Amino acid sequence: MFKLSKIMPAEYNGDLLVHLVRQSLKGAPQCQDSSVAKILKRTFDIGDFKGKEGETLMYYPAPTAKGQHGPRRILMVGLGKEELNRELFREAGGQIAAVVSKHNISKIMVVVPEEIPFAKDELAECLTEGLVLGSYCFEKYKTKNEPDESHGELKEVSFFAGDDKAVRKGMKQGEIAARAATIARDMANEPASHWTPAHFAAYGKELADKFGMACKVLSAEQMKKLGMGGIIGVNQGSDQPPKMVILEYKTAPKAKTLLLVGKGLTFDSGGISLKPSGGMEEMKYDMCGGAAVLATMQAVAEAKLKGVNVVAIVPATENLPGPSAIKPGDLINQYGGKTVEVINTDAEGRLILADALAYGIKKFKPDMVVDVATLTGAVIVGLGHHRTGMLGNNDELCDQLSAAGDHAGELLWRLPLDKEYTKQLKSDIADLKNVGKRDGGTITAAAFLKEFVGDTPWAHLDIAGTAWNFTKKSYVPKGPSGIAVRTLFELVRRVGKKQKTSAAGKVKGGGK
């Protein structure tokens, strides 16, 4: 879909030619195409277009004197006059995608401006991400589309650029990451009746077959034998059998191992501690952490990232109030032997994650662990829908994650995780209870998980506020955002690069 073009912009005869322009401190925005520059001058003089960030202007050029047709439409997208950054180009890509959708456009050319002082690989990467993510829509189950609701399908994007190598690298990087995020959106958009634990298992096996990864799926019987009382207990009210999907991406035996764990609650009614009916349909999104983890594995394998082994685990189940459902006051045994008093059956995510974390750490002995979960409503109270909550026991890992989130435009905010919070989980009859007071709910949820990771460097991402209803952006649609996929993908890249650099340094320094 994305390609570099040698055709000159003036000779392009596709549906839409796009120019990115900066707002001038004085006078009209500038463009390297003289004919477009004249239009910019004219529209600036009458006050219609100044090149402000997010501002767009489209016009329909007339045929040339010889009757030859160039582009059917020309679009100018303003970048403003503030300092350039990655998010600016992502937003620009989303704005282009909106025009494409509105006008049923299928082929476009984007001119990568030579005069803009920004790394061309990053510019192309972020533009591509914005175009892919901004073009997303989920209409799988619509049997009839109204004519005025039809969407253009972007089939071909050509980039015209001088620095071909850098732009090609950025395009590829952006497309892999963004397409993976759309896969996570697809999983989340599926009704709970059409995305069950079995679907998680099937998709894990599909990825393994396609990309040469190893996939193992633990059944309910196997999990019972292993003593995974968390996922078995949560599943008791459902007639859908639980699954634990384990996917392995291996690069080298001596490479460091990153374990990713994603919450796969395919529907969460709250169990016996039933949620209010209003908005409960959104609880099909409670598996967004699991979706993010599997989609990340797809991106990692497709990009053939080196320098780090990656293991993904998705504990998948429903949480329903069936006749055998776990009850408030019940006691369960988590994997590894810790006992937990269940105070609230709607605090189920931590129970299934605890089993997955403890099992994954014991079996794979990872060097670092990240879990991703729509875990608490409290994180929305604290951070709104603008940042993902992050907690962890390792500063270096949290710093790496924060940098990866900044890079991806998926901002994180670290919360404290001191011993005082763990004291709120003290039980009179068990090692732990699954909830404390309402105070600091996001932190106490993470404090519960911390009890199952030991000394392994670990970070927890609470995406309850960002997995859907995320901050309005041109490339983020209503509904699931696909959050954390691009952040985790960038984390894997950074860890791999660091290992390569470290290995090269040792060789250069004589193996010290």
Protein backbone atom coordinates (compact mmCIF):
# COMPACT_ATOMS: atom_id res chain seq x y z
CA MET A 1 0.00 0.00 0.00
CA PHE A 2 2.84 2.42 0.83
CA LYS A 3 5.53 3.05 -1.75
CA LEU A 4 8.05 5.59 -2.91
CA SER A 5 7.36 7.30 -6.21
CA LYS A 6 9.67 8.71 -8.85
CA ILE A 7 6.80 10.50 -10.57
CA MET A 8 7.05 14.25 -10.17
CA PRO A 9 4.17 15.73 -8.14
CA ALA A 10 3.07 17.93 -11.05
CA GLU A 11 2.75 14.83 -13.23
CA TYR A 12 0.85 12.76 -10.68
CA ASN A 13 -2.65 11.94 -11.96
CA GLY A 14 -4.10 10.19 -8.92
CA ASP A 15 -6.99 11.21 -6.71
CA LEU A 16 -5.16 13.51 -4.30
CA LEU A 17 -1.79 15.26 -4.03
CA VAL A 18 -0.85 16.40 -0.53
CA HIS A 19 1.55 19.15 0.51
CA LEU A 20 2.59 19.81 4.12
CA VAL A 21 3.19 23.48 4.82
CA ARG A 22 4.38 25.47 7.81
CA GLN A 23 2.81 28.68 9.02
CA SER A 24 5.13 31.58 8.33
CA LEU A 25 6.03 34.11 10.98
CA LYS A 26 5.36 36.71 8.34
CA GLY A 27 3.35 36.35 5.15
CA ALA A 28 1.89 33.33 3.38
CA PRO A 29 3.03 29.73 3.94
CA GLN A 30 5.71 28.58 1.51
CA CYS A 31 5.76 25.55 -0.77
CA GLN A 32 8.44 24.22 -3.15
CA ASP A 33 5.77 23.84 -5.87
CA SER A 34 5.39 27.29 -7.43
CA SER A 35 1.79 26.73 -8.58
CA VAL A 36 0.77 25.64 -5.06
CA ALA A 37 2.68 28.61 -3.62
CA LYS A 38 0.50 30.96 -5.70
CA ILE A 39 -2.67 29.36 -4.30
CA LEU A 40 -1.25 29.65 -0.78
CA LYS A 41 -0.54 33.35 -1.33
CA ARG A 42 -4.04 33.99 -2.66
CA THR A 43 -5.84 32.13 0.14
CA PHE A 44 -3.62 33.75 2.75
CA ASP A 45 -4.40 37.21 1.43
CA ILE A 46 -8.16 36.64 1.79
CA GLY A 47 -7.70 34.97 5.20
CA ASP A 48 -8.82 31.44 4.29
CA PHE A 49 -5.63 29.49 5.03
CA LYS A 50 -2.60 30.42 7.11
CA GLY A 51 -0.99 27.03 7.62
CA LYS A 52 -2.00 26.73 11.27
CA GLU A 53 -1.64 23.33 12.92
CA GLY A 54 -4.58 21.15 11.87
CA GLU A 55 -5.76 23.59 9.19
CA THR A 56 -6.49 22.10 5.75
CA LEU A 57 -7.30 23.51 2.33
CA MET A 58 -8.31 21.51 -0.73
CA TYR A 59 -8.78 22.75 -4.28
CA TYR A 60 -9.40 21.26 -7.71
CA PRO A 61 -6.77 22.23 -10.29
CA ALA A 62 -7.85 22.82 -13.88
CA PRO A 63 -6.34 20.76 -16.74
CA THR A 64 -3.19 22.15 -18.30
CA ALA A 65 -3.24 24.05 -21.58
CA LYS A 66 -2.46 20.81 -23.44
CA GLY A 67 -5.46 19.13 -21.86
CA GLN A 68 -3.33 16.90 -19.65
CA HIS A 69 -4.75 16.07 -16.23
CA GLY A 70 -2.60 16.15 -13.13
CA PRO A 71 -3.94 15.34 -9.68
CA ARG A 72 -7.73 15.57 -9.35
CA ARG A 73 -7.38 17.35 -6.03
CA ILE A 74 -4.60 19.13 -4.15
CA LEU A 75 -4.65 19.26 -0.36
CA MET A 76 -2.57 21.54 1.85
CA VAL A 77 -2.15 20.52 5.49
CA GLY A 78 -0.91 23.10 7.97
CA LEU A 79 1.80 22.24 10.49
CA GLY A 80 1.68 25.50 12.44
CA LYS A 81 4.69 27.51 13.50
CA GLU A 82 5.63 25.84 16.79
CA GLU A 83 8.50 23.38 17.17
CA LEU A 84 8.09 20.28 15.00
CA ASN A 85 7.51 16.94 16.73
CA ARG A 86 6.47 13.39 15.94
CA GLU A 87 2.87 13.83 17.11
CA LEU A 88 2.39 16.75 14.73
CA PHE A 89 3.02 14.49 11.72
CA ARG A 90 0.85 11.70 13.12
CA GLU A 91 -1.99 14.19 13.47
CA ALA A 92 -1.33 15.40 9.92
CA GLY A 93 -1.61 11.82 8.68
CA GLY A 94 -4.93 11.47 10.49
CA GLN A 95 -6.21 14.71 8.94
CA ILE A 96 -5.29 13.44 5.47
CA ALA A 97 -7.08 10.16 6.23
CA ALA A 98 -10.24 12.10 7.20
CA VAL A 99 -10.26 13.87 3.81
CA VAL A 100 -9.70 10.54 2.06
CA SER A 101 -12.64 8.99 3.90
CA LYS A 102 -14.97 11.91 3.29
CA HIS A 103 -14.33 12.08 -0.46
CA ASN A 104 -14.05 8.34 -1.20
CA ILE A 105 -10.46 8.68 -2.33
CA SER A 106 -8.34 5.57 -2.98
CA LYS A 107 -4.95 6.80 -4.30
CA ILE A 108 -2.86 9.65 -2.97
CA MET A 109 0.62 11.09 -3.17
CA VAL A 110 2.23 12.85 -0.22
CA VAL A 111 5.11 15.21 -0.95
CA VAL A 112 7.71 14.96 1.81
CA PRO A 113 8.90 18.57 2.10
CA GLU A 114 12.65 18.98 1.78
CA GLU A 115 12.65 22.37 3.46
CA ILE A 116 11.22 21.16 6.76
CA PRO A 117 14.04 20.58 9.29
CA PHE A 118 12.94 17.22 10.65
CA ALA A 119 14.42 13.72 10.31
CA LYS A 120 12.86 12.25 7.17
CA ASP A 121 12.61 8.70 8.52
CA GLU A 122 10.66 9.91 11.58
CA LEU A 123 8.50 12.21 9.48
CA ALA A 124 7.59 9.33 7.14
CA GLU A 125 7.07 6.92 10.06
CA CYS A 126 4.63 9.20 11.86
CA LEU A 127 2.79 10.27 8.71
CA THR A 128 2.32 6.61 7.85
CA GLU A 129 1.07 5.80 11.34
CA GLY A 130 -1.43 8.64 11.16
CA LEU A 131 -2.66 7.58 7.73
CA VAL A 132 -3.14 3.92 8.72
CA LEU A 133 -4.64 4.61 12.15
CA GLY A 134 -6.77 7.48 10.87
CA SER A 135 -8.20 5.34 8.04
CA TYR A 136 -9.46 2.70 10.44
CA CYS A 137 -13.14 1.78 10.67
CA PHE A 138 -14.90 -1.39 11.84
CA GLU A 139 -17.91 -2.25 9.68
CA LYS A 140 -17.61 -6.03 9.65
CA TYR A 141 -21.16 -6.65 10.79
CA LYS A 142 -22.96 -3.91 8.86
CA THR A 143 -25.19 -5.46 6.19
CA LYS A 144 -26.09 -2.19 4.50
CA ASN A 145 -24.17 1.07 4.25
CA GLU A 146 -26.05 4.30 3.70
CA PRO A 147 -24.66 6.26 0.70
CA ASP A 148 -23.86 9.29 2.86
CA GLU A 149 -22.05 7.08 5.39
CA SER A 150 -19.70 5.35 2.94
CA HIS A 151 -15.97 5.58 3.58
CA GLY A 152 -13.16 5.87 1.07
CA GLU A 153 -10.74 2.95 1.14
CA LEU A 154 -7.13 4.05 0.90
CA LYS A 155 -5.51 1.53 -1.43
CA GLU A 156 -2.29 3.27 -2.45
CA VAL A 157 -0.09 5.90 -0.81
CA SER A 158 2.91 7.19 -2.71
CA PHE A 159 5.56 9.28 -1.00
CA PHE A 160 7.62 11.65 -3.10
CA ALA A 161 10.89 12.33 -1.32
CA GLY A 162 14.51 13.12 -2.01
CA ASP A 163 15.99 10.92 0.73
CA ASP A 164 14.59 7.60 -0.45
CA LYS A 165 16.41 5.33 1.99
CA ALA A 166 15.38 7.18 5.14
CA VAL A 167 11.79 7.63 3.98
CA ARG A 168 11.48 3.97 2.99
CA LYS A 169 12.73 2.89 6.42
CA GLY A 170 10.27 5.18 8.19
CA MET A 171 7.33 4.10 6.04
CA LYS A 172 7.97 0.42 6.76
CA GLN A 173 8.40 1.01 10.48
CA GLY A 174 5.23 3.09 10.74
CA GLU A 175 3.10 0.73 8.69
CA ILE A 176 4.06 -2.37 10.70
CA ALA A 177 3.37 -0.69 14.04
CA ALA A 178 0.13 0.99 12.97
CA ARG A 179 -1.32 -2.08 11.29
CA ALA A 180 -0.64 -4.09 14.44
CA ALA A 181 -2.53 -1.46 16.44
CA THR A 182 -5.50 -1.78 14.08
CA ILE A 183 -5.48 -5.55 14.69
CA ALA A 184 -5.78 -4.85 18.42
CA ARG A 185 -8.68 -2.49 17.64
CA ASP A 186 -10.36 -5.22 15.58
CA MET A 187 -10.12 -7.72 18.45
CA ALA A 188 -11.60 -5.20 20.88
CA ASN A 189 -14.42 -4.23 18.52
CA GLU A 190 -15.58 -7.83 18.16
CA PRO A 191 -18.68 -8.60 20.24
CA ALA A 192 -17.95 -10.79 23.26
CA SER A 193 -19.99 -13.52 21.56
CA HIS A 194 -17.53 -13.43 18.66
CA TRP A 195 -14.28 -12.99 20.62
CA THR A 196 -13.97 -15.58 23.36
CA PRO A 197 -10.93 -17.15 25.06
CA ALA A 198 -10.95 -19.72 22.24
CA HIS A 199 -10.53 -16.91 19.71
CA PHE A 200 -7.48 -15.63 21.59
CA ALA A 201 -6.04 -19.14 21.42
CA ALA A 202 -6.79 -19.51 17.72
CA TYR A 203 -5.20 -16.15 16.92
CA GLY A 204 -2.07 -17.01 18.90
CA LYS A 205 -1.70 -20.23 16.91
CA GLU A 206 -2.32 -18.34 13.66
CA LEU A 207 0.49 -15.89 14.47
CA ALA A 208 2.82 -18.76 15.38
CA ASP A 209 2.15 -20.53 12.08
CA LYS A 210 2.52 -17.35 10.03
CA PHE A 211 5.72 -16.04 11.61
CA GLY A 212 7.47 -19.16 12.89
CA MET A 213 6.87 -18.54 16.58
CA ALA A 214 6.10 -21.15 19.22
CA CYS A 215 2.59 -21.20 20.67
CA LYS A 216 1.22 -23.19 23.58
CA VAL A 217 -2.31 -22.95 24.95
CA LEU A 218 -3.01 -24.18 28.46
CA SER A 219 -6.47 -25.70 28.97
CA ALA A 220 -8.63 -25.48 32.11
CA GLU A 221 -7.49 -28.96 33.14
CA GLN A 222 -3.83 -28.07 32.76
CA MET A 223 -4.28 -24.82 34.70
CA LYS A 224 -6.06 -26.70 37.50
CA LYS A 225 -3.14 -29.13 37.76
CA LEU A 226 -0.71 -26.20 37.89
CA GLY A 227 -2.68 -24.61 40.71
CA MET A 228 -3.83 -21.49 38.85
CA GLY A 229 -6.70 -20.70 41.19
CA GLY A 230 -7.00 -17.13 39.98
CA ILE A 231 -8.04 -17.79 36.40
CA ILE A 232 -9.97 -20.95 37.31
CA GLY A 233 -11.86 -19.09 40.04
CA VAL A 234 -12.77 -16.13 37.82
CA ASN A 235 -13.93 -18.53 35.09
CA GLN A 236 -16.29 -20.53 37.32
CA GLY A 237 -19.40 -18.53 36.34
CA SER A 238 -18.85 -18.91 32.57
CA ASP A 239 -19.53 -21.79 30.22
CA GLN A 240 -16.65 -20.61 27.99
CA PRO A 241 -13.52 -22.56 29.00
CA PRO A 242 -10.54 -20.40 30.01
CA LYS A 243 -7.34 -20.39 27.97
CA MET A 244 -3.82 -19.27 28.71
CA VAL A 245 -2.13 -18.35 25.43
CA ILE A 246 1.68 -18.43 25.45
CA LEU A 247 3.57 -17.13 22.41
CA GLU A 248 7.36 -17.18 22.10
CA TYR A 249 9.54 -15.13 19.74
CA LYS A 250 13.15 -16.26 19.89
CA THR A 251 16.20 -14.53 18.45
CA ALA A 252 19.23 -15.96 20.26
CA PRO A 253 19.66 -18.23 23.30
CA LYS A 254 21.85 -15.69 25.14
CA ALA A 255 19.65 -12.69 24.32
CA LYS A 256 17.70 -11.10 27.14
CA THR A 257 14.07 -12.13 27.53
CA LEU A 258 11.16 -9.72 27.83
CA LEU A 259 7.89 -11.14 29.15
CA LEU A 260 4.65 -9.40 28.14
CA VAL A 261 1.44 -10.29 29.95
CA GLY A 262 -1.94 -8.98 28.79
CA LYS A 263 -5.30 -9.22 30.56
CA GLY A 264 -7.73 -11.15 28.35
CA LEU A 265 -11.13 -10.67 30.00
CA THR A 266 -13.33 -11.15 26.93
CA PHE A 267 -16.35 -9.95 28.92
CA ASP A 268 -16.54 -8.66 32.47
CA SER A 269 -19.96 -8.44 34.12
CA GLY A 270 -18.30 -8.06 37.50
CA GLY A 271 -19.42 -11.56 38.50
CA ILE A 272 -21.46 -11.78 41.72
CA SER A 273 -20.30 -8.21 42.49
CA LEU A 274 -22.32 -7.20 39.44
CA LYS A 275 -21.56 -3.99 37.57
CA PRO A 276 -24.33 -1.47 36.82
CA SER A 277 -26.13 -2.21 33.55
CA GLY A 278 -25.47 1.24 32.09
CA GLY A 279 -22.38 1.00 29.88
CA MET A 280 -21.83 -2.70 30.60
CA GLU A 281 -21.64 -3.36 26.85
CA GLU A 282 -18.23 -1.68 26.94
CA MET A 283 -16.92 -4.50 29.11
CA LYS A 284 -16.16 -6.44 25.94
CA TYR A 285 -13.15 -4.08 25.89
CA ASP A 286 -11.74 -5.63 29.07
CA MET A 287 -9.47 -7.76 26.89
CA CYS A 288 -7.61 -4.81 25.36
CA GLY A 289 -4.43 -5.68 27.29
CA GLY A 290 -4.38 -9.17 25.81
CA ALA A 291 -5.11 -7.76 22.36
CA ALA A 292 -2.21 -5.29 22.71
CA VAL A 293 0.22 -8.03 23.71
CA LEU A 294 -0.65 -10.36 20.81
CA ALA A 295 -0.67 -7.49 18.31
CA THR A 296 2.77 -6.45 19.57
CA MET A 297 4.04 -9.97 18.91
CA GLN A 298 2.75 -9.68 15.35
CA ALA A 299 4.64 -6.41 14.84
CA VAL A 300 7.84 -7.75 16.41
CA ALA A 301 7.79 -10.87 14.23
CA GLU A 302 6.87 -8.97 11.05
CA ALA A 303 9.70 -6.48 11.63
CA LYS A 304 12.08 -9.36 12.46
CA LEU A 305 13.46 -7.48 15.45
CA LYS A 306 16.72 -8.83 16.84
CA GLY A 307 18.60 -8.72 20.10
CA VAL A 308 15.82 -9.76 22.47
CA ASN A 309 13.60 -12.79 23.03
CA VAL A 310 9.95 -11.95 23.66
CA VAL A 311 7.34 -14.09 25.40
CA ALA A 312 3.67 -13.09 25.49
CA ILE A 313 1.11 -14.58 27.86
CA VAL A 314 -2.62 -13.87 27.69
CA PRO A 315 -4.80 -15.34 30.45
CA ALA A 316 -8.23 -15.33 28.82
CA THR A 317 -11.64 -15.88 30.39
CA GLU A 318 -15.05 -14.33 30.99
CA ASN A 319 -16.26 -13.09 34.38
CA LEU A 320 -19.96 -13.94 34.73
CA PRO A 321 -22.37 -14.55 37.65
CA GLY A 322 -23.22 -18.17 36.80
CA PRO A 323 -24.42 -20.74 39.37
CA SER A 324 -20.85 -21.81 40.15
CA ALA A 325 -19.38 -18.31 40.16
CA ILE A 326 -16.82 -17.35 42.77
CA LYS A 327 -18.38 -15.41 45.67
CA PRO A 328 -17.23 -12.54 47.86
CA GLY A 329 -15.54 -14.12 50.87
CA ASP A 330 -14.26 -17.16 48.97
CA LEU A 331 -10.62 -18.14 49.20
CA ILE A 332 -8.43 -19.15 46.24
CA ASN A 333 -4.90 -20.44 45.82
CA GLN A 334 -2.88 -18.58 43.20
CA TYR A 335 -0.11 -20.20 41.17
CA GLY A 336 2.88 -20.62 43.47
CA GLY A 337 0.79 -21.16 46.60
CA LYS A 338 -0.23 -17.70 47.84
CA THR A 339 -3.77 -17.62 49.25
CA VAL A 340 -6.18 -14.80 48.42
CA GLU A 341 -9.45 -13.81 50.06
CA VAL A 342 -11.82 -12.57 47.36
CA ILE A 343 -13.58 -9.47 48.70
CA ASN A 344 -14.89 -8.22 45.37
CA THR A 345 -15.40 -10.48 42.34
CA ASP A 346 -15.19 -7.41 40.09
CA ALA A 347 -11.50 -7.11 40.99
CA GLU A 348 -10.85 -10.17 38.84
CA GLY A 349 -8.17 -8.90 36.48
CA ARG A 350 -5.47 -8.99 39.14
CA LEU A 351 -6.39 -12.59 39.97
CA ILE A 352 -5.79 -13.88 36.46
CA LEU A 353 -2.74 -11.67 35.92
CA ALA A 354 -1.17 -12.94 39.16
CA ASP A 355 -1.28 -16.52 37.86
CA ALA A 356 0.15 -15.52 34.49
CA LEU A 357 2.92 -13.37 35.97
CA ALA A 358 4.02 -15.95 38.54
CA TYR A 359 3.92 -18.78 35.99
CA GLY A 360 5.70 -16.79 33.25
CA ILE A 361 8.49 -15.67 35.58
CA LYS A 362 9.09 -19.16 36.94
CA LYS A 363 9.02 -20.87 33.53
CA PHE A 364 10.83 -18.37 31.31
CA LYS A 365 13.06 -16.57 33.85
CA PRO A 366 12.70 -13.24 32.02
CA ASP A 367 15.07 -10.32 32.51
CA MET A 368 12.14 -7.91 32.56
CA VAL A 369 8.34 -8.08 32.63
CA VAL A 370 5.59 -5.72 31.48
CA ASP A 371 1.90 -6.38 32.03
CA VAL A 372 -0.88 -4.46 30.31
CA ALA A 373 -4.43 -4.39 31.64
CA THR A 374 -7.68 -2.45 31.75
CA LEU A 375 -7.43 -2.93 35.49
CA THR A 376 -9.05 -0.12 37.48
CA GLY A 377 -11.64 2.61 37.14
CA ALA A 378 -9.53 4.50 39.66
CA VAL A 379 -6.92 5.27 37.01
CA ILE A 380 -9.57 7.20 35.06
CA VAL A 381 -10.37 9.26 38.16
CA GLY A 382 -6.68 10.05 38.58
CA LEU A 383 -5.47 10.54 35.01
CA GLY A 384 -8.60 10.86 32.88
CA HIS A 385 -8.38 9.47 29.37
CA HIS A 386 -5.12 11.20 28.51
CA ARG A 387 -2.34 9.08 30.04
CA THR A 388 -1.81 5.44 30.90
CA GLY A 389 -0.98 4.75 34.54
CA MET A 390 2.41 3.09 35.06
CA LEU A 391 3.75 1.45 38.20
CA GLY A 392 6.75 -0.78 38.71
CA ASN A 393 9.62 -1.99 40.85
CA ASN A 394 12.44 -0.97 38.52
CA ASP A 395 13.38 2.60 37.58
CA GLU A 396 15.33 1.68 34.45
CA LEU A 397 12.48 -0.36 32.97
CA CYS A 398 9.93 2.34 33.81
CA ASP A 399 12.17 4.99 32.22
CA GLN A 400 12.50 2.87 29.06
CA LEU A 401 8.74 2.42 28.90
CA SER A 402 8.11 6.11 29.44
CA ALA A 403 10.51 7.00 26.61
CA ALA A 404 8.84 4.43 24.34
CA GLY A 405 5.42 5.89 25.16
CA ASP A 406 6.63 9.41 24.36
CA HIS A 407 8.02 8.11 21.05
CA ALA A 408 4.67 6.50 20.19
CA GLY A 409 2.51 9.42 21.33
CA GLU A 410 1.01 7.18 24.04
CA LEU A 411 1.99 9.05 27.17
CA LEU A 412 2.51 7.30 30.52
CA TRP A 413 2.41 8.65 34.07
CA ARG A 414 4.23 6.80 36.82
CA LEU A 415 2.48 6.41 40.18
CA PRO A 416 4.15 5.46 43.49
CA LEU A 417 4.23 1.88 44.75
CA ASP A 418 5.42 1.98 48.34
CA LYS A 419 4.94 -0.59 51.11
CA GLU A 420 2.12 1.40 52.71
CA TYR A 421 -0.21 0.44 49.86
CA THR A 422 0.46 -3.28 50.25
CA LYS A 423 -0.63 -3.05 53.90
CA GLN A 424 -4.13 -2.19 52.66
CA LEU A 425 -4.33 -5.73 51.20
CA LYS A 426 -3.73 -7.53 54.47
CA SER A 427 -6.31 -10.27 55.09
CA ASP A 428 -7.37 -11.87 58.37
CA ILE A 429 -7.72 -15.34 56.83
CA ALA A 430 -5.34 -15.38 53.84
CA ASP A 431 -2.01 -14.04 52.60
CA LEU A 432 -3.80 -11.26 50.72
CA LYS A 433 -7.23 -9.93 49.91
CA ASN A 434 -7.92 -8.83 46.36
CA VAL A 435 -9.01 -5.27 47.19
CA GLY A 436 -8.30 -2.71 49.88
CA LYS A 437 -10.14 0.54 50.45
CA ARG A 438 -11.19 2.66 47.49
CA ASP A 439 -8.33 5.06 48.24
CA GLY A 440 -5.48 4.66 45.77
CA GLY A 441 -7.26 1.84 43.93
CA THR A 442 -4.91 1.85 40.95
CA ILE A 443 -1.90 1.60 43.25
CA THR A 444 -3.29 -1.15 45.48
CA ALA A 445 -4.16 -3.19 42.37
CA ALA A 446 -0.53 -2.90 41.26
CA ALA A 447 0.62 -3.65 44.82
CA PHE A 448 -1.33 -6.92 44.60
CA LEU A 449 0.47 -7.85 41.37
CA LYS A 450 3.82 -6.89 42.85
CA GLU A 451 3.45 -9.77 45.31
CA PHE A 452 3.75 -12.23 42.40
CA VAL A 453 6.79 -10.88 40.53
CA GLY A 454 9.50 -11.12 43.20
CA ASP A 455 12.69 -9.26 42.35
CA THR A 456 12.28 -9.48 38.57
CA PRO A 457 12.25 -6.00 36.98
CA TRP A 458 8.57 -5.38 36.32
CA ALA A 459 6.25 -2.63 35.15
CA HIS A 460 2.47 -2.51 35.08
CA LEU A 461 0.44 -0.45 32.60
CA ASP A 462 -3.15 0.32 33.61
CA ILE A 463 -4.86 1.21 30.32
CA ALA A 464 -8.44 1.42 31.65
CA GLY A 465 -8.56 5.12 30.76
CA THR A 466 -6.82 4.93 27.39
CA ALA A 467 -7.92 1.63 25.83
CA TRP A 468 -11.11 3.35 24.68
CA ASN A 469 -12.42 6.93 24.92
CA PHE A 470 -8.77 7.96 24.54
CA THR A 471 -7.91 11.65 24.06
CA LYS A 472 -9.53 12.86 20.84
CA LYS A 473 -7.00 12.81 18.02
CA SER A 474 -7.29 12.80 14.24
CA TYR A 475 -5.93 9.25 14.09
CA VAL A 476 -7.79 7.79 17.10
CA PRO A 477 -11.40 6.76 16.36
CA LYS A 478 -14.35 6.48 18.68
CA GLY A 479 -14.10 3.16 20.53
CA PRO A 480 -10.95 1.11 21.11
CA SER A 481 -7.67 2.94 20.50
CA GLY A 482 -5.23 0.04 20.12
CA ILE A 483 -3.23 1.63 22.94
CA ALA A 484 0.12 0.19 24.08
CA VAL A 485 0.87 -1.76 20.88
CA ARG A 486 3.19 0.88 19.44
CA THR A 487 4.67 1.60 22.87
CA LEU A 488 5.54 -2.05 23.47
CA PHE A 489 6.86 -2.41 19.92
CA GLU A 490 9.15 0.55 20.50
CA LEU A 491 10.24 -0.90 23.86
CA VAL A 492 11.26 -4.15 22.16
CA ARG A 493 13.21 -2.17 19.55
CA ARG A 494 15.01 -0.18 22.23
CA VAL A 495 15.85 -3.23 24.34
CA GLY A 496 17.14 -5.07 21.26
CA LYS A 497 19.26 -2.12 20.15
CA LYS A 498 20.69 -1.76 23.63
CA GLN A 499 21.68 -5.42 23.70
CA LYS A 500 23.34 -5.14 20.27
CA THR A 501 25.23 -2.02 21.34
CA SER A 502 26.31 -3.69 24.57
CA ALA A 503 27.45 -6.82 22.73
CA ALA A 504 29.38 -4.76 20.18
CA GLY A 505 31.05 -2.83 22.97
CA LYS A 506 32.21 -6.01 24.66
CA VAL A 507 33.71 -7.34 21.44
CA LYS A 508 35.44 -4.04 20.74
CA GLY A 509 36.76 -3.87 24.29
CA GLY A 510 38.26 -7.34 24.21
CA GLY A 511 35.34 -9.24 25.74
CA LYS A 512 35.35 -7.42 29.08
